[in-house]
Amino acid sequence: MKILITLLITSLLTACAVNGQHSYIGGKCVSCWNNPLTQEPLNYAAGANNTEVLTWHELMLEGLNGKRDSLDIYGEDYLRYQYGNKVVSMKGNEIAYQRNVNQAVGDLKSAVSSHSLKPAYQVTVSSKIDGYDFEKQEFPVMLAESFILQSDNNINVLPKEIVVSVNNVNELPNLKMAANEAERFLKKRRNSRGIYVRYVLENIEMDVPGIFSARVKEVQFIDVKPSIVTRPDKEKFQPISVVEI
C-alpha cells in the first residue's frame, strides 16, 4: 500500500512538472507540494518572488463561493471588472449591453466554480525604516497589520475594497544587519528611509464578507525606494534579507 501511495504521488508531481498542470482531489491541489507532509507548494521557495500575487479578484471569488446560485446581481460589476471604462460606451446599445451583462454573469459563475485558494500568496507594499537600533542590531520597520485590496473599476454591489488582517503581527521581524553594514546601506541609498517589504501569506480565511485574515509565513526586505518604481514593477525585485516565520 505504501508503495502504491508513493507511486501515485510521484506520478502526480511528475505530470505537473511535464505539462505545467496541477492535479486536484476534492478541490485541493495534490501536485502543488514539494513535500506531501509539509504541503509546501512547488512554486514556493524561501526568498523568491515567484509566489502568486494576492489580488482583489482572487478574494472576491473566494467570498462568492457560497453564492453560486445567486450571482446574477453581480453581472454589471463583473462586466466593469472585465472591461473597465469601456462599459460606458457599451450602454449606448441597450440590447447589446444586456447581452454583455448576461455573458459576464456566465463568466463569473465559471470563475467561482473553478476557484480555489492556493497554499501561499505574496503581497508587496511600500514601507519605511526607522533609526538604527545599535543594541538590537536592526532597523525598526513599519510593518503591515493588514492589507487593503481594491478593484480599479467602479464597483457597486461587489465589495470594492477587501481587507486582509495579519493574525501573527507580533511575530513579524525588523531588518537586521550589523552596524558597519547598516552604515554602508544608508550611505548607498543616501539615507532614504523608503523600502519595499514583501509578505508571503498562508492560511487565508474569510472572517465576514469582504474581510479576511491570514498568517505571514515569510517577510522579504527589498532594497528599492518605492518612489522610483511603478506598482507592477515592485514584484520583480529580489530581496536583500529574508526571514521565515
Protein backbone atom coordinates (compact mmCIF):
# COMPACT_ATOMS: atom_id res chain seq x y z
CA MET A 1 0.00 0.00 0.00
CA LYS A 2 2.82 2.40 0.91
CA ILE A 3 4.49 1.71 -2.43
CA LEU A 4 1.25 2.44 -4.26
CA ILE A 5 0.81 5.77 -2.46
CA THR A 6 4.42 6.71 -3.21
CA LEU A 7 3.99 5.89 -6.89
CA LEU A 8 0.77 7.92 -7.02
CA ILE A 9 2.41 10.98 -5.51
CA THR A 10 5.43 10.62 -7.76
CA SER A 11 3.27 10.36 -10.86
CA LEU A 12 1.26 13.43 -9.88
CA LEU A 13 4.37 15.51 -9.28
CA THR A 14 5.96 14.28 -12.50
CA ALA A 15 2.87 15.11 -14.55
CA CYS A 16 2.79 18.59 -13.06
CA ALA A 17 6.44 19.16 -13.95
CA VAL A 18 5.92 17.92 -17.50
CA ASN A 19 2.79 19.72 -18.61
CA GLY A 20 2.50 22.56 -16.12
CA GLN A 21 -0.93 21.39 -14.95
CA HIS A 22 -1.81 20.61 -11.35
CA SER A 23 -3.97 17.70 -10.20
CA TYR A 24 -6.86 18.26 -7.80
CA ILE A 25 -8.75 15.91 -5.48
CA GLY A 26 -11.80 17.30 -3.70
CA GLY A 27 -10.88 20.79 -4.80
CA LYS A 28 -7.43 20.58 -3.21
CA CYS A 29 -4.25 20.61 -5.28
CA VAL A 30 -2.29 17.38 -4.70
CA SER A 31 0.50 18.13 -7.15
CA CYS A 32 1.44 21.53 -5.70
CA TRP A 33 3.64 20.24 -2.87
CA ASN A 34 7.36 19.78 -2.65
CA ASN A 35 6.66 17.53 0.32
CA PRO A 36 3.27 15.84 0.94
CA LEU A 37 3.91 16.12 4.69
CA THR A 38 4.69 19.84 4.85
CA GLN A 39 2.43 20.67 1.87
CA GLU A 40 4.81 23.35 0.62
CA PRO A 41 3.76 24.42 -2.90
CA LEU A 42 6.07 23.71 -5.81
CA ASN A 43 6.27 27.36 -6.77
CA TYR A 44 7.26 28.44 -3.25
CA ALA A 45 10.93 28.85 -2.41
CA ALA A 46 12.16 30.92 0.51
CA GLY A 47 13.44 34.29 -0.67
CA ALA A 48 11.97 34.00 -4.17
CA ASN A 49 9.40 36.35 -5.63
CA ASN A 50 7.52 33.85 -7.76
CA THR A 51 4.63 33.13 -5.41
CA GLU A 52 1.34 34.24 -6.94
CA VAL A 53 0.38 37.82 -6.12
CA LEU A 54 -2.75 38.13 -3.98
CA THR A 55 -5.42 40.20 -5.77
CA TRP A 56 -8.85 41.67 -5.17
CA HIS A 57 -10.24 39.34 -7.82
CA GLU A 58 -8.91 36.24 -6.06
CA LEU A 59 -10.53 37.07 -2.73
CA MET A 60 -13.70 38.39 -4.37
CA LEU A 61 -14.18 34.95 -5.95
CA GLU A 62 -13.48 33.29 -2.61
CA GLY A 63 -16.15 35.44 -0.98
CA LEU A 64 -18.73 34.36 -3.56
CA ASN A 65 -18.04 30.63 -3.18
CA GLY A 66 -21.22 30.08 -1.21
CA LYS A 67 -23.42 32.18 -3.55
CA ARG A 68 -23.15 30.23 -6.79
CA ASP A 69 -26.93 30.18 -7.29
CA SER A 70 -27.43 33.94 -6.83
CA LEU A 71 -24.70 35.59 -8.89
CA ASP A 72 -26.95 37.40 -11.40
CA ILE A 73 -26.94 40.61 -9.33
CA TYR A 74 -23.17 40.88 -9.79
CA GLY A 75 -23.27 40.83 -13.60
CA GLU A 76 -22.78 44.56 -14.15
CA ASP A 77 -19.98 44.73 -11.61
CA TYR A 78 -18.14 41.84 -13.19
CA LEU A 79 -18.57 43.42 -16.61
CA ARG A 80 -16.92 46.56 -15.21
CA TYR A 81 -14.13 44.42 -13.79
CA GLN A 82 -13.59 42.84 -17.22
CA TYR A 83 -13.77 45.98 -19.39
CA GLY A 84 -13.26 48.97 -17.11
CA ASN A 85 -14.36 52.31 -18.60
CA LYS A 86 -15.30 50.66 -21.91
CA VAL A 87 -18.56 49.67 -20.21
CA VAL A 88 -19.78 53.28 -20.53
CA SER A 89 -19.74 53.10 -24.33
CA MET A 90 -21.48 49.69 -24.25
CA LYS A 91 -24.57 51.25 -22.69
CA GLY A 92 -25.34 53.06 -25.94
CA ASN A 93 -26.86 49.84 -27.26
CA GLU A 94 -29.38 48.58 -24.70
CA ILE A 95 -29.79 45.08 -26.17
CA ALA A 96 -26.08 44.50 -26.69
CA TYR A 97 -25.34 45.81 -23.20
CA GLN A 98 -27.73 43.34 -21.57
CA ARG A 99 -26.21 40.56 -23.66
CA ASN A 100 -22.79 41.56 -22.34
CA VAL A 101 -24.09 41.60 -18.76
CA ASN A 102 -25.53 38.12 -19.20
CA GLN A 103 -22.21 36.93 -20.58
CA ALA A 104 -20.42 38.48 -17.59
CA VAL A 105 -22.71 36.55 -15.23
CA GLY A 106 -21.77 33.35 -17.03
CA ASP A 107 -18.07 34.24 -16.82
CA LEU A 108 -18.40 34.97 -13.10
CA LYS A 109 -20.20 31.68 -12.41
CA SER A 110 -17.49 29.80 -14.27
CA ALA A 111 -14.73 31.64 -12.39
CA VAL A 112 -16.35 30.99 -8.99
CA SER A 113 -16.95 27.34 -9.83
CA SER A 114 -13.31 26.70 -10.76
CA HIS A 115 -11.81 28.86 -8.00
CA SER A 116 -9.82 27.57 -5.03
CA LEU A 117 -7.30 29.40 -2.85
CA LYS A 118 -3.65 28.46 -3.28
CA PRO A 119 -1.34 27.48 -0.40
CA ALA A 120 0.63 30.76 -0.50
CA TYR A 121 0.42 34.28 -1.95
CA GLN A 122 2.70 37.30 -1.87
CA VAL A 123 1.85 40.95 -1.18
CA THR A 124 4.49 43.64 -1.70
CA VAL A 125 3.91 47.04 -0.10
CA SER A 126 5.89 50.21 0.50
CA SER A 127 7.19 50.85 3.99
CA LYS A 128 9.72 52.87 5.98
CA ILE A 129 12.68 52.09 8.21
CA ASP A 130 13.33 53.97 11.42
CA GLY A 131 16.59 54.92 13.11
CA TYR A 132 19.13 52.12 13.56
CA ASP A 133 18.99 50.29 16.91
CA PHE A 134 22.62 49.51 17.91
CA GLU A 135 21.60 47.29 20.81
CA LYS A 136 19.37 45.04 18.70
CA GLN A 137 21.47 45.43 15.54
CA GLU A 138 18.45 46.22 13.39
CA PHE A 139 16.39 48.86 11.64
CA PRO A 140 12.85 49.06 13.03
CA VAL A 141 10.43 48.72 10.10
CA MET A 142 6.88 49.98 9.71
CA LEU A 143 5.31 46.52 9.31
CA ALA A 144 1.82 45.88 7.98
CA GLU A 145 -1.02 44.79 10.24
CA SER A 146 -3.42 44.50 7.30
CA PHE A 147 -3.60 44.83 3.53
CA ILE A 148 -6.32 46.59 1.53
CA LEU A 149 -7.04 45.13 -1.90
CA GLN A 150 -9.17 47.27 -4.20
CA SER A 151 -10.89 46.94 -7.55
CA ASP A 152 -9.68 49.56 -10.02
CA ASN A 153 -13.17 49.82 -11.52
CA ASN A 154 -16.49 51.35 -10.49
CA ILE A 155 -17.94 48.51 -8.41
CA ASN A 156 -21.40 48.92 -6.89
CA VAL A 157 -22.59 45.58 -5.45
CA LEU A 158 -19.41 43.56 -5.09
CA PRO A 159 -17.05 44.77 -2.34
CA LYS A 160 -14.86 47.48 -3.87
CA GLU A 161 -12.41 47.04 -1.01
CA ILE A 162 -11.27 43.80 0.62
CA VAL A 163 -9.22 43.79 3.84
CA VAL A 164 -6.79 41.06 4.87
CA SER A 165 -5.67 41.23 8.52
CA VAL A 166 -2.38 39.71 9.69
CA ASN A 167 -3.06 37.35 12.59
CA ASN A 168 0.58 36.96 13.69
CA VAL A 169 1.71 40.59 13.76
CA ASN A 170 3.76 40.02 16.93
CA GLU A 171 5.98 37.54 15.04
CA LEU A 172 6.98 39.93 12.23
CA PRO A 173 10.71 40.82 12.17
CA ASN A 174 12.67 44.02 11.72
CA LEU A 175 15.52 44.46 9.23
CA LYS A 176 18.60 43.05 10.96
CA MET A 177 22.18 43.92 9.95
CA ALA A 178 25.48 44.68 11.62
CA ALA A 179 26.35 48.32 12.32
CA ASN A 180 29.06 48.57 9.63
CA GLU A 181 26.71 47.03 7.08
CA ALA A 182 23.93 49.40 8.15
CA GLU A 183 26.23 52.37 7.60
CA ARG A 184 27.01 51.27 4.04
CA PHE A 185 23.33 50.54 3.46
CA LEU A 186 22.25 54.08 4.37
CA LYS A 187 25.12 55.72 2.52
CA LYS A 188 24.34 53.82 -0.69
CA ARG A 189 20.72 54.93 -0.66
CA ARG A 190 21.59 58.45 0.52
CA ASN A 191 19.79 57.94 3.82
CA SER A 192 16.45 57.28 2.13
CA ARG A 193 14.03 55.60 4.54
CA GLY A 194 11.63 54.22 1.96
CA ILE A 195 11.74 50.47 1.34
CA TYR A 196 9.56 47.71 -0.06
CA VAL A 197 8.50 44.76 2.10
CA ARG A 198 7.13 41.56 0.60
CA TYR A 199 4.91 39.35 2.73
CA VAL A 200 4.23 35.70 1.87
CA LEU A 201 0.80 34.77 3.24
CA GLU A 202 -0.79 31.44 4.09
CA ASN A 203 -3.94 30.15 5.85
CA ILE A 204 -6.17 32.79 4.30
CA GLU A 205 -9.69 32.59 5.74
CA MET A 206 -12.77 34.76 5.30
CA ASP A 207 -14.00 36.12 8.66
CA VAL A 208 -17.00 38.01 7.26
CA PRO A 209 -17.76 39.04 3.63
CA GLY A 210 -15.02 41.40 2.48
CA ILE A 211 -12.77 40.78 5.49
CA PHE A 212 -10.13 38.03 5.62
CA SER A 213 -7.33 37.01 7.95
CA ALA A 214 -4.02 35.34 7.10
CA ARG A 215 -0.72 34.28 8.61
CA VAL A 216 2.56 35.74 7.36
CA LYS A 217 4.96 32.83 6.74
CA GLU A 218 7.84 34.90 5.37
CA VAL A 219 8.98 38.53 5.20
CA GLN A 220 11.29 39.80 2.45
CA PHE A 221 13.01 43.18 2.64
CA ILE A 222 13.67 44.75 -0.77
CA ASP A 223 16.29 47.48 -1.13
CA VAL A 224 14.24 49.58 -3.55
CA LYS A 225 12.85 53.03 -2.84
CA PRO A 226 9.07 52.98 -3.52
CA SER A 227 9.23 56.40 -5.18
CA ILE A 228 11.26 55.12 -8.14
CA VAL A 229 9.24 52.09 -9.32
CA THR A 230 5.73 51.52 -10.61
CA ARG A 231 3.24 49.30 -8.81
CA PRO A 232 3.67 46.24 -11.11
CA ASP A 233 7.47 46.57 -11.13
CA LYS A 234 7.76 46.11 -7.36
CA GLU A 235 7.17 42.37 -7.82
CA LYS A 236 10.30 41.98 -9.97
CA PHE A 237 12.94 42.70 -7.35
CA GLN A 238 14.78 40.12 -5.29
CA PRO A 239 15.09 40.73 -1.53
CA ILE A 240 18.24 41.66 0.36
CA SER A 241 17.03 39.92 3.52
CA VAL A 242 14.56 37.08 4.10
CA VAL A 243 13.01 35.91 7.37
CA GLU A 244 10.91 32.75 7.53
CA ILE A 245 8.38 32.64 10.36
